[in-house]
């Protein structure tokens, strides 16, 4: 796996102004699908620091013939599972895929001001998010787990009682740690464990930064909550963390669309649903899952 860029570089990249990149009012099309097809590219928001789902390809170079806006990244400059799914969606639409990298809380807050067209960023479908975002059919499913610093001495979830635990801000992981069941928005059958008493939540911009902070020697928290796939990647990368046994809840991950989009998203959502369903049926998603995660997590847990 590629070496991660410095946090400072990533924050600089993520803070790029994305004005005029998306499918807003400049198009003569009557809906967002038409605007995407008219300009020849779809602008997808995703995270540049969420290996193996999505991360920068430090060996890639921007092609000279790209249709992507100057402040967007091309498929040569990003890699990961979400990136490959986004590319497959673009291919299914017959357009180039380009990437915007806004902050996670900006994506989950909705009201994107047409700066990007769709989020393909491992977003969990929750009842709270469904008030401001529309979702595609899920493209994969993943358990949320707790990882601890290898020298913490903690071997079970109960050992986190009274401890500080890190999570990415505005993520379901932070909502779970705060016992914010309204924003977590998952059915009770998908929640397997309660948060131990007395946990203090330490939020960082993304949950990946929690792992990176532990690796850098930060000591003001002993654990973090994230996707099982992220922890496996952290361990494979040699980070000094271990995974506690058992998932705390499970998530359905899907593409997201802004309800406040200037152009109607219904036809684009229907087309993306059709593409994702086809990727499930022909085994493409299973292959991508095995490529990036070493296992197939594209089938719903109850199937």
C-alpha atoms as a PDB file:
ATOM      1  CA  UNK A   1       0.000   0.000   0.000  1.00  0.00           C
ATOM      2  CA  UNK A   2       1.110   3.550  -0.750  1.00  0.00           C
ATOM      3  CA  UNK A   3       2.595   5.733   1.955  1.00  0.00           C
ATOM      4  CA  UNK A   4       0.097   8.270   3.290  1.00  0.00           C
ATOM      5  CA  UNK A   5       0.776  11.953   2.732  1.00  0.00           C
ATOM      6  CA  UNK A   6       1.354  14.185   5.723  1.00  0.00           C
ATOM      7  CA  UNK A   7      -1.709  15.389   7.593  1.00  0.00           C
ATOM      8  CA  UNK A   8      -0.888  18.974   6.681  1.00  0.00           C
ATOM      9  CA  UNK A   9      -0.837  18.142   2.983  1.00  0.00           C
ATOM     10  CA  UNK A  10      -4.143  16.329   3.235  1.00  0.00           C
ATOM     11  CA  UNK A  11      -5.813  19.169   5.080  1.00  0.00           C
ATOM     12  CA  UNK A  12      -4.574  21.612   2.479  1.00  0.00           C
ATOM     13  CA  UNK A  13      -5.960  19.423  -0.268  1.00  0.00           C
ATOM     14  CA  UNK A  14      -9.278  18.938   1.491  1.00  0.00           C
ATOM     15  CA  UNK A  15      -9.730  22.677   1.934  1.00  0.00           C
ATOM     16  CA  UNK A  16      -9.564  23.486  -1.796  1.00  0.00           C
ATOM     17  CA  UNK A  17     -12.422  25.663  -2.928  1.00  0.00           C
ATOM     18  CA  UNK A  18     -14.703  23.657  -5.151  1.00  0.00           C
ATOM     19  CA  UNK A  19     -16.719  26.490  -6.712  1.00  0.00           C
ATOM     20  CA  UNK A  20     -18.226  25.825 -10.116  1.00  0.00           C
ATOM     21  CA  UNK A  21     -17.115  22.189 -10.184  1.00  0.00           C
ATOM     22  CA  UNK A  22     -20.471  20.481  -9.854  1.00  0.00           C
ATOM     23  CA  UNK A  23     -23.612  20.163 -11.878  1.00  0.00           C
ATOM     24  CA  UNK A  24     -25.269  23.445 -10.916  1.00  0.00           C
ATOM     25  CA  UNK A  25     -27.072  26.136 -12.806  1.00  0.00           C
ATOM     26  CA  UNK A  26     -24.462  26.604 -15.580  1.00  0.00           C
ATOM     27  CA  UNK A  27     -25.885  23.606 -17.425  1.00  0.00           C
ATOM     28  CA  UNK A  28     -28.764  23.826 -19.907  1.00  0.00           C
ATOM     29  CA  UNK A  29     -29.891  20.334 -18.861  1.00  0.00           C
ATOM     30  CA  UNK A  30     -33.181  19.836 -17.060  1.00  0.00           C
ATOM     31  CA  UNK A  31     -31.809  17.392 -14.477  1.00  0.00           C
ATOM     32  CA  UNK A  32     -28.503  16.348 -12.939  1.00  0.00           C
ATOM     33  CA  UNK A  33     -28.122  13.229 -15.079  1.00  0.00           C
ATOM     34  CA  UNK A  34     -28.442  15.363 -18.188  1.00  0.00           C
ATOM     35  CA  UNK A  35     -25.902  17.869 -16.854  1.00  0.00           C
ATOM     36  CA  UNK A  36     -23.392  15.100 -16.104  1.00  0.00           C
ATOM     37  CA  UNK A  37     -23.784  13.622 -19.573  1.00  0.00           C
ATOM     38  CA  UNK A  38     -23.574  17.061 -21.166  1.00  0.00           C
ATOM     39  CA  UNK A  39     -20.252  17.969 -19.568  1.00  0.00           C
ATOM     40  CA  UNK A  40     -18.804  14.475 -19.863  1.00  0.00           C
ATOM     41  CA  UNK A  41     -17.769  13.913 -16.235  1.00  0.00           C
ATOM     42  CA  UNK A  42     -19.309  13.196 -12.850  1.00  0.00           C
ATOM     43  CA  UNK A  43     -17.813  14.910  -9.802  1.00  0.00           C
ATOM     44  CA  UNK A  44     -17.706  12.527  -6.845  1.00  0.00           C
ATOM     45  CA  UNK A  45     -16.900  13.570  -3.290  1.00  0.00           C
ATOM     46  CA  UNK A  46     -14.724  11.136  -1.351  1.00  0.00           C
ATOM     47  CA  UNK A  47     -12.028  11.074   1.335  1.00  0.00           C
ATOM     48  CA  UNK A  48      -8.331  11.317   0.339  1.00  0.00           C
ATOM     49  CA  UNK A  49      -7.243   9.766   3.661  1.00  0.00           C
ATOM     50  CA  UNK A  50      -9.397   6.670   4.194  1.00  0.00           C
ATOM     51  CA  UNK A  51      -7.285   3.704   3.112  1.00  0.00           C
ATOM     52  CA  UNK A  52      -8.263   1.203   1.753  1.00  0.00           C
ATOM     53  CA  UNK A  53     -11.585   2.780   0.773  1.00  0.00           C
ATOM     54  CA  UNK A  54     -10.103   5.945  -0.758  1.00  0.00           C
ATOM     55  CA  UNK A  55      -6.661   7.537  -0.658  1.00  0.00           C
ATOM     56  CA  UNK A  56      -4.220   9.477  -2.771  1.00  0.00           C
ATOM     57  CA  UNK A  57      -2.142   7.703  -5.381  1.00  0.00           C
ATOM     58  CA  UNK A  58       1.222   9.372  -4.844  1.00  0.00           C
ATOM     59  CA  UNK A  59       2.607   7.681  -7.941  1.00  0.00           C
ATOM     60  CA  UNK A  60      -0.197   8.803 -10.231  1.00  0.00           C
ATOM     61  CA  UNK A  61      -0.014  11.815 -12.517  1.00  0.00           C
ATOM     62  CA  UNK A  62      -2.808  13.924 -13.927  1.00  0.00           C
ATOM     63  CA  UNK A  63      -3.537  13.074 -17.589  1.00  0.00           C
ATOM     64  CA  UNK A  64      -3.361  15.938 -20.062  1.00  0.00           C
ATOM     65  CA  UNK A  65      -6.651  15.059 -21.732  1.00  0.00           C
ATOM     66  CA  UNK A  66      -8.839  14.966 -18.608  1.00  0.00           C
ATOM     67  CA  UNK A  67     -12.193  16.719 -18.523  1.00  0.00           C
ATOM     68  CA  UNK A  68     -11.924  17.116 -14.742  1.00  0.00           C
ATOM     69  CA  UNK A  69     -11.935  20.684 -13.354  1.00  0.00           C
ATOM     70  CA  UNK A  70      -8.546  22.035 -12.298  1.00  0.00           C
ATOM     71  CA  UNK A  71      -9.358  21.802  -8.582  1.00  0.00           C
ATOM     72  CA  UNK A  72     -10.624  18.214  -8.822  1.00  0.00           C
ATOM     73  CA  UNK A  73      -8.599  14.998  -8.781  1.00  0.00           C
ATOM     74  CA  UNK A  74      -8.571  12.459 -11.595  1.00  0.00           C
ATOM     75  CA  UNK A  75      -8.820   8.678 -11.446  1.00  0.00           C
ATOM     76  CA  UNK A  76      -5.033   8.523 -11.849  1.00  0.00           C
ATOM     77  CA  UNK A  77      -4.566  10.512  -8.640  1.00  0.00           C
ATOM     78  CA  UNK A  78      -6.862   8.477  -6.348  1.00  0.00           C
ATOM     79  CA  UNK A  79      -7.206   4.793  -5.483  1.00  0.00           C
ATOM     80  CA  UNK A  80      -9.170   2.463  -3.221  1.00  0.00           C
ATOM     81  CA  UNK A  81     -12.435   0.547  -3.042  1.00  0.00           C
ATOM     82  CA  UNK A  82     -14.725   3.603  -3.053  1.00  0.00           C
ATOM     83  CA  UNK A  83     -12.648   5.081  -5.862  1.00  0.00           C
ATOM     84  CA  UNK A  84     -13.062   1.955  -7.983  1.00  0.00           C
ATOM     85  CA  UNK A  85     -16.808   1.930  -7.297  1.00  0.00           C
ATOM     86  CA  UNK A  86     -17.028   5.590  -8.333  1.00  0.00           C
ATOM     87  CA  UNK A  87     -15.067   4.835 -11.519  1.00  0.00           C
ATOM     88  CA  UNK A  88     -17.458   1.967 -12.313  1.00  0.00           C
ATOM     89  CA  UNK A  89     -20.396   4.349 -11.845  1.00  0.00           C
ATOM     90  CA  UNK A  90     -18.785   6.847 -14.220  1.00  0.00           C
ATOM     91  CA  UNK A  91     -18.131   4.070 -16.737  1.00  0.00           C
ATOM     92  CA  UNK A  92     -21.760   2.988 -16.474  1.00  0.00           C
ATOM     93  CA  UNK A  93     -22.850   6.543 -17.209  1.00  0.00           C
ATOM     94  CA  UNK A  94     -20.388   6.817 -20.092  1.00  0.00           C
ATOM     95  CA  UNK A  95     -18.519   9.740 -18.520  1.00  0.00           C
ATOM     96  CA  UNK A  96     -15.177  10.433 -16.822  1.00  0.00           C
ATOM     97  CA  UNK A  97     -15.046  10.224 -13.023  1.00  0.00           C
ATOM     98  CA  UNK A  98     -13.494  13.151 -11.122  1.00  0.00           C
ATOM     99  CA  UNK A  99     -13.033  13.582  -7.375  1.00  0.00           C
ATOM    100  CA  UNK A 100     -13.681  16.409  -4.922  1.00  0.00           C
ATOM    101  CA  UNK A 101     -12.336  16.134  -1.363  1.00  0.00           C
ATOM    102  CA  UNK A 102     -14.475  18.267   0.967  1.00  0.00           C
ATOM    103  CA  UNK A 103     -14.528  17.619   4.701  1.00  0.00           C
ATOM    104  CA  UNK A 104     -16.732  14.766   5.884  1.00  0.00           C
ATOM    105  CA  UNK A 105     -18.986  17.023   7.964  1.00  0.00           C
ATOM    106  CA  UNK A 106     -19.586  19.214   4.895  1.00  0.00           C
ATOM    107  CA  UNK A 107     -20.736  16.154   2.944  1.00  0.00           C
ATOM    108  CA  UNK A 108     -23.004  14.778   5.667  1.00  0.00           C
ATOM    109  CA  UNK A 109     -24.510  18.226   6.357  1.00  0.00           C
ATOM    110  CA  UNK A 110     -26.114  18.398   2.911  1.00  0.00           C
ATOM    111  CA  UNK A 111     -26.698  21.718   1.094  1.00  0.00           C
ATOM    112  CA  UNK A 112     -23.721  21.099  -1.195  1.00  0.00           C
ATOM    113  CA  UNK A 113     -24.451  24.190  -3.336  1.00  0.00           C
ATOM    114  CA  UNK A 114     -23.909  22.017  -6.442  1.00  0.00           C
ATOM    115  CA  UNK A 115     -20.160  21.790  -5.763  1.00  0.00           C
ATOM    116  CA  UNK A 116     -20.165  18.035  -6.440  1.00  0.00           C
ATOM    117  CA  UNK A 117     -22.739  15.624  -7.825  1.00  0.00           C
ATOM    118  CA  UNK A 118     -22.672  12.568  -5.586  1.00  0.00           C
ATOM    119  CA  UNK A 119     -20.833  11.169  -2.579  1.00  0.00           C
ATOM    120  CA  UNK A 120     -19.220   7.748  -2.950  1.00  0.00           C
ATOM    121  CA  UNK A 121     -17.441   7.757   0.375  1.00  0.00           C
ATOM    122  CA  UNK A 122     -18.574   4.786   2.466  1.00  0.00           C
ATOM    123  CA  UNK A 123     -21.477   6.734   3.920  1.00  0.00           C
ATOM    124  CA  UNK A 124     -23.758   4.841   6.282  1.00  0.00           C
ATOM    125  CA  UNK A 125     -27.470   5.148   5.566  1.00  0.00           C
ATOM    126  CA  UNK A 126     -29.108   6.580   8.706  1.00  0.00           C
ATOM    127  CA  UNK A 127     -32.556   7.996   9.390  1.00  0.00           C
ATOM    128  CA  UNK A 128     -31.066  11.393  10.286  1.00  0.00           C
ATOM    129  CA  UNK A 129     -29.092  11.617   7.042  1.00  0.00           C
ATOM    130  CA  UNK A 130     -32.125  10.559   5.002  1.00  0.00           C
ATOM    131  CA  UNK A 131     -33.773  13.849   5.984  1.00  0.00           C
ATOM    132  CA  UNK A 132     -31.227  15.835   3.947  1.00  0.00           C
ATOM    133  CA  UNK A 133     -29.703  13.265   1.582  1.00  0.00           C
ATOM    134  CA  UNK A 134     -31.047  10.619  -0.772  1.00  0.00           C
ATOM    135  CA  UNK A 135     -29.259   7.262  -0.992  1.00  0.00           C
ATOM    136  CA  UNK A 136     -28.630   4.648  -3.620  1.00  0.00           C
ATOM    137  CA  UNK A 137     -28.983   0.952  -2.973  1.00  0.00           C
ATOM    138  CA  UNK A 138     -26.076  -0.144  -0.721  1.00  0.00           C
ATOM    139  CA  UNK A 139     -22.887  -1.205  -2.453  1.00  0.00           C
ATOM    140  CA  UNK A 140     -21.325  -2.874   0.594  1.00  0.00           C
ATOM    141  CA  UNK A 141     -21.805  -3.620   4.273  1.00  0.00           C
ATOM    142  CA  UNK A 142     -19.272  -3.338   7.069  1.00  0.00           C
ATOM    143  CA  UNK A 143     -19.092  -3.847  10.836  1.00  0.00           C
ATOM    144  CA  UNK A 144     -17.924  -1.050  13.118  1.00  0.00           C
ATOM    145  CA  UNK A 145     -15.252  -2.138  15.605  1.00  0.00           C
ATOM    146  CA  UNK A 146     -13.024  -0.746  18.321  1.00  0.00           C
ATOM    147  CA  UNK A 147      -9.237  -0.737  18.018  1.00  0.00           C
ATOM    148  CA  UNK A 148      -6.910   0.033  20.920  1.00  0.00           C
ATOM    149  CA  UNK A 149      -3.305   1.078  21.239  1.00  0.00           C
ATOM    150  CA  UNK A 150      -1.208  -2.089  21.385  1.00  0.00           C
ATOM    151  CA  UNK A 151       0.375  -1.020  24.700  1.00  0.00           C
ATOM    152  CA  UNK A 152      -2.950  -0.089  26.352  1.00  0.00           C
ATOM    153  CA  UNK A 153      -3.455  -3.435  28.058  1.00  0.00           C
ATOM    154  CA  UNK A 154      -7.153  -3.323  27.084  1.00  0.00           C
ATOM    155  CA  UNK A 155      -8.487  -6.656  25.811  1.00  0.00           C
ATOM    156  CA  UNK A 156     -12.275  -6.193  25.892  1.00  0.00           C
ATOM    157  CA  UNK A 157     -14.903  -3.506  25.364  1.00  0.00           C
ATOM    158  CA  UNK A 158     -15.493  -3.304  29.133  1.00  0.00           C
ATOM    159  CA  UNK A 159     -11.900  -2.143  29.528  1.00  0.00           C
ATOM    160  CA  UNK A 160     -12.816   1.162  27.870  1.00  0.00           C
ATOM    161  CA  UNK A 161     -14.911   2.256  30.867  1.00  0.00           C
ATOM    162  CA  UNK A 162     -13.662   5.641  32.033  1.00  0.00           C
ATOM    163  CA  UNK A 163     -11.242   5.945  29.097  1.00  0.00           C
ATOM    164  CA  UNK A 164     -10.922   8.452  26.244  1.00  0.00           C
ATOM    165  CA  UNK A 165     -11.817   7.096  22.797  1.00  0.00           C
ATOM    166  CA  UNK A 166     -11.322   8.761  19.417  1.00  0.00           C
ATOM    167  CA  UNK A 167     -13.709   8.944  16.443  1.00  0.00           C
ATOM    168  CA  UNK A 168     -14.065  10.958  13.258  1.00  0.00           C
ATOM    169  CA  UNK A 169     -16.307  13.968  13.704  1.00  0.00           C
ATOM    170  CA  UNK A 170     -19.889  13.658  12.400  1.00  0.00           C
ATOM    171  CA  UNK A 171     -19.435   9.915  11.786  1.00  0.00           C
ATOM    172  CA  UNK A 172     -21.677   7.134  13.029  1.00  0.00           C
ATOM    173  CA  UNK A 173     -18.698   6.126  15.206  1.00  0.00           C
ATOM    174  CA  UNK A 174     -18.891   9.432  17.077  1.00  0.00           C
ATOM    175  CA  UNK A 175     -22.686   9.143  17.358  1.00  0.00           C
ATOM    176  CA  UNK A 176     -22.380   5.644  18.835  1.00  0.00           C
ATOM    177  CA  UNK A 177     -19.761   6.748  21.370  1.00  0.00           C
ATOM    178  CA  UNK A 178     -22.013   9.640  22.428  1.00  0.00           C
ATOM    179  CA  UNK A 179     -25.029   7.332  22.721  1.00  0.00           C
ATOM    180  CA  UNK A 180     -26.699   9.581  20.146  1.00  0.00           C
ATOM    181  CA  UNK A 181     -29.136   6.988  18.868  1.00  0.00           C
ATOM    182  CA  UNK A 182     -31.197   9.573  16.964  1.00  0.00           C
ATOM    183  CA  UNK A 183     -28.275  10.558  14.735  1.00  0.00           C
ATOM    184  CA  UNK A 184     -26.878   7.027  14.631  1.00  0.00           C
ATOM    185  CA  UNK A 185     -30.203   6.126  13.066  1.00  0.00           C
ATOM    186  CA  UNK A 186     -29.710   2.363  12.867  1.00  0.00           C
ATOM    187  CA  UNK A 187     -32.260  -0.354  13.667  1.00  0.00           C
ATOM    188  CA  UNK A 188     -31.806  -1.967  17.072  1.00  0.00           C
ATOM    189  CA  UNK A 189     -31.026  -5.281  15.401  1.00  0.00           C
ATOM    190  CA  UNK A 190     -27.906  -3.706  13.835  1.00  0.00           C
ATOM    191  CA  UNK A 191     -26.519  -2.451  17.186  1.00  0.00           C
ATOM    192  CA  UNK A 192     -24.676  -5.184  19.077  1.00  0.00           C
ATOM    193  CA  UNK A 193     -23.009  -3.404  22.012  1.00  0.00           C
ATOM    194  CA  UNK A 194     -23.539  -0.475  24.352  1.00  0.00           C
ATOM    195  CA  UNK A 195     -20.833   2.094  25.037  1.00  0.00           C
ATOM    196  CA  UNK A 196     -19.025   1.407  28.341  1.00  0.00           C
ATOM    197  CA  UNK A 197     -19.714   3.857  31.163  1.00  0.00           C
ATOM    198  CA  UNK A 198     -17.631   7.003  31.503  1.00  0.00           C
ATOM    199  CA  UNK A 199     -16.142   7.068  28.003  1.00  0.00           C
ATOM    200  CA  UNK A 200     -14.811  10.476  26.925  1.00  0.00           C
ATOM    201  CA  UNK A 201     -15.040  11.145  23.188  1.00  0.00           C
ATOM    202  CA  UNK A 202     -12.075  12.728  21.381  1.00  0.00           C
ATOM    203  CA  UNK A 203     -13.195  13.817  17.882  1.00  0.00           C
ATOM    204  CA  UNK A 204     -10.741  14.276  15.012  1.00  0.00           C
ATOM    205  CA  UNK A 205     -11.480  15.223  11.402  1.00  0.00           C
ATOM    206  CA  UNK A 206     -11.570  11.558  10.311  1.00  0.00           C
ATOM    207  CA  UNK A 207     -11.333   8.261  12.168  1.00  0.00           C
ATOM    208  CA  UNK A 208      -8.215   7.411  10.151  1.00  0.00           C
ATOM    209  CA  UNK A 209      -6.508  10.321  11.897  1.00  0.00           C
ATOM    210  CA  UNK A 210      -7.221   8.571  15.216  1.00  0.00           C
ATOM    211  CA  UNK A 211      -5.094   5.620  14.119  1.00  0.00           C
ATOM    212  CA  UNK A 212      -2.402   7.891  12.737  1.00  0.00           C
ATOM    213  CA  UNK A 213      -2.306   9.855  16.003  1.00  0.00           C
ATOM    214  CA  UNK A 214      -1.797   6.683  18.051  1.00  0.00           C
ATOM    215  CA  UNK A 215       0.944   5.637  15.649  1.00  0.00           C
ATOM    216  CA  UNK A 216       2.592   9.042  16.132  1.00  0.00           C
ATOM    217  CA  UNK A 217       2.621   8.544  19.921  1.00  0.00           C
ATOM    218  CA  UNK A 218      -0.394  10.591  20.973  1.00  0.00           C
ATOM    219  CA  UNK A 219      -1.538   9.501  24.448  1.00  0.00           C
ATOM    220  CA  UNK A 220      -4.721  11.459  25.265  1.00  0.00           C
ATOM    221  CA  UNK A 221      -6.913   8.553  24.064  1.00  0.00           C
ATOM    222  CA  UNK A 222      -6.408   4.799  24.091  1.00  0.00           C
ATOM    223  CA  UNK A 223      -8.762   3.587  21.379  1.00  0.00           C
ATOM    224  CA  UNK A 224     -10.780   4.538  18.326  1.00  0.00           C
ATOM    225  CA  UNK A 225     -13.926   3.349  16.586  1.00  0.00           C
ATOM    226  CA  UNK A 226     -14.026   2.808  12.842  1.00  0.00           C
ATOM    227  CA  UNK A 227     -14.782   0.297  10.115  1.00  0.00           C
ATOM    228  CA  UNK A 228     -13.392  -3.208  10.505  1.00  0.00           C
ATOM    229  CA  UNK A 229     -11.758  -2.761   7.103  1.00  0.00           C
ATOM    230  CA  UNK A 230      -9.900   0.371   8.203  1.00  0.00           C
ATOM    231  CA  UNK A 231      -8.504  -1.335  11.310  1.00  0.00           C
ATOM    232  CA  UNK A 232      -7.328  -4.289   9.229  1.00  0.00           C
ATOM    233  CA  UNK A 233      -5.540  -1.852   6.915  1.00  0.00           C
ATOM    234  CA  UNK A 234      -4.002  -0.032   9.895  1.00  0.00           C
ATOM    235  CA  UNK A 235      -2.648  -3.291  11.306  1.00  0.00           C
ATOM    236  CA  UNK A 236      -1.363  -4.383   7.886  1.00  0.00           C
ATOM    237  CA  UNK A 237       0.441  -1.033   7.614  1.00  0.00           C
ATOM    238  CA  UNK A 238       2.289  -1.778  10.861  1.00  0.00           C
ATOM    239  CA  UNK A 239       0.435   0.669  13.099  1.00  0.00           C
ATOM    240  CA  UNK A 240       0.728  -0.248  16.826  1.00  0.00           C
ATOM    241  CA  UNK A 241      -2.950  -1.100  17.336  1.00  0.00           C
ATOM    242  CA  UNK A 242      -5.014  -4.212  17.996  1.00  0.00           C
ATOM    243  CA  UNK A 243      -8.675  -4.940  17.301  1.00  0.00           C
ATOM    244  CA  UNK A 244     -11.095  -5.845  20.089  1.00  0.00           C
ATOM    245  CA  UNK A 245     -13.147  -8.917  19.327  1.00  0.00           C
ATOM    246  CA  UNK A 246     -16.684  -8.414  18.082  1.00  0.00           C
ATOM    247  CA  UNK A 247     -18.459  -5.687  16.100  1.00  0.00           C
ATOM    248  CA  UNK A 248     -20.325  -2.961  17.997  1.00  0.00           C
ATOM    249  CA  UNK A 249     -22.822  -2.378  15.144  1.00  0.00           C
ATOM    250  CA  UNK A 250     -23.160  -2.953  11.392  1.00  0.00           C
ATOM    251  CA  UNK A 251     -23.661  -0.447   8.580  1.00  0.00           C
ATOM    252  CA  UNK A 252     -25.149  -0.282   5.091  1.00  0.00           C
ATOM    253  CA  UNK A 253     -22.902   1.882   2.865  1.00  0.00           C
ATOM    254  CA  UNK A 254     -24.340   3.713  -0.144  1.00  0.00           C
ATOM    255  CA  UNK A 255     -23.858   6.593  -2.560  1.00  0.00           C
ATOM    256  CA  UNK A 256     -25.514   9.833  -1.417  1.00  0.00           C
ATOM    257  CA  UNK A 257     -27.216  12.700  -3.250  1.00  0.00           C
ATOM    258  CA  UNK A 258     -28.096  16.175  -1.996  1.00  0.00           C
ATOM    259  CA  UNK A 259     -31.840  16.782  -1.602  1.00  0.00           C
ATOM    260  CA  UNK A 260     -31.202  20.518  -2.103  1.00  0.00           C
ATOM    261  CA  UNK A 261     -29.489  20.093  -5.479  1.00  0.00           C
ATOM    262  CA  UNK A 262     -30.473  22.798  -7.966  1.00  0.00           C
ATOM    263  CA  UNK A 263     -31.047  20.146 -10.607  1.00  0.00           C
ATOM    264  CA  UNK A 264     -33.332  17.186  -9.904  1.00  0.00           C
ATOM    265  CA  UNK A 265     -31.339  14.069  -8.960  1.00  0.00           C
ATOM    266  CA  UNK A 266     -34.055  11.429  -9.427  1.00  0.00           C
ATOM    267  CA  UNK A 267     -32.935  10.162 -12.842  1.00  0.00           C
ATOM    268  CA  UNK A 268     -29.270  10.089 -11.797  1.00  0.00           C
ATOM    269  CA  UNK A 269     -30.149   8.188  -8.617  1.00  0.00           C
ATOM    270  CA  UNK A 270     -32.167   5.673 -10.632  1.00  0.00           C
ATOM    271  CA  UNK A 271     -29.277   5.180 -13.040  1.00  0.00           C
ATOM    272  CA  UNK A 272     -26.757   4.771 -10.207  1.00  0.00           C
ATOM    273  CA  UNK A 273     -29.081   2.209  -8.559  1.00  0.00           C
ATOM    274  CA  UNK A 274     -29.180   0.329 -11.844  1.00  0.00           C
ATOM    275  CA  UNK A 275     -25.379   0.409 -12.156  1.00  0.00           C
ATOM    276  CA  UNK A 276     -24.730  -0.705  -8.558  1.00  0.00           C
ATOM    277  CA  UNK A 277     -27.301  -3.504  -8.863  1.00  0.00           C
ATOM    278  CA  UNK A 278     -25.528  -4.688 -12.009  1.00  0.00           C
ATOM    279  CA  UNK A 279     -22.145  -4.553 -10.245  1.00  0.00           C
ATOM    280  CA  UNK A 280     -23.594  -6.786  -7.505  1.00  0.00           C
ATOM    281  CA  UNK A 281     -25.080  -9.230  -9.987  1.00  0.00           C
ATOM    282  CA  UNK A 282     -22.046  -9.630 -12.254  1.00  0.00           C
ATOM    283  CA  UNK A 283     -19.605 -10.066  -9.353  1.00  0.00           C
ATOM    284  CA  UNK A 284     -17.702  -6.824  -9.946  1.00  0.00           C
ATOM    285  CA  UNK A 285     -18.320  -5.523  -6.421  1.00  0.00           C
ATOM    286  CA  UNK A 286     -17.321  -8.872  -4.902  1.00  0.00           C
ATOM    287  CA  UNK A 287     -14.086  -8.749  -6.884  1.00  0.00           C
ATOM    288  CA  UNK A 288     -13.325  -5.188  -5.795  1.00  0.00           C
ATOM    289  CA  UNK A 289     -14.089  -6.079  -2.181  1.00  0.00           C
ATOM    290  CA  UNK A 290     -11.702  -9.026  -2.281  1.00  0.00           C
ATOM    291  CA  UNK A 291      -9.069  -6.853  -3.968  1.00  0.00           C
ATOM    292  CA  UNK A 292      -9.121  -4.105  -1.340  1.00  0.00           C
ATOM    293  CA  UNK A 293     -10.333  -5.879   1.807  1.00  0.00           C
ATOM    294  CA  UNK A 294      -9.257  -9.471   1.261  1.00  0.00           C
ATOM    295  CA  UNK A 295     -12.865 -10.620   1.747  1.00  0.00           C
ATOM    296  CA  UNK A 296     -16.292 -10.127   0.240  1.00  0.00           C
ATOM    297  CA  UNK A 297     -18.434  -7.729   2.279  1.00  0.00           C
ATOM    298  CA  UNK A 298     -20.886  -6.792  -0.465  1.00  0.00           C
ATOM    299  CA  UNK A 299     -23.712  -9.054   0.713  1.00  0.00           C
ATOM    300  CA  UNK A 300     -26.160  -7.868   3.364  1.00  0.00           C
ATOM    301  CA  UNK A 301     -25.570  -9.591   6.758  1.00  0.00           C
ATOM    302  CA  UNK A 302     -29.052 -11.115   6.796  1.00  0.00           C
ATOM    303  CA  UNK A 303     -28.591 -12.765   3.395  1.00  0.00           C
END
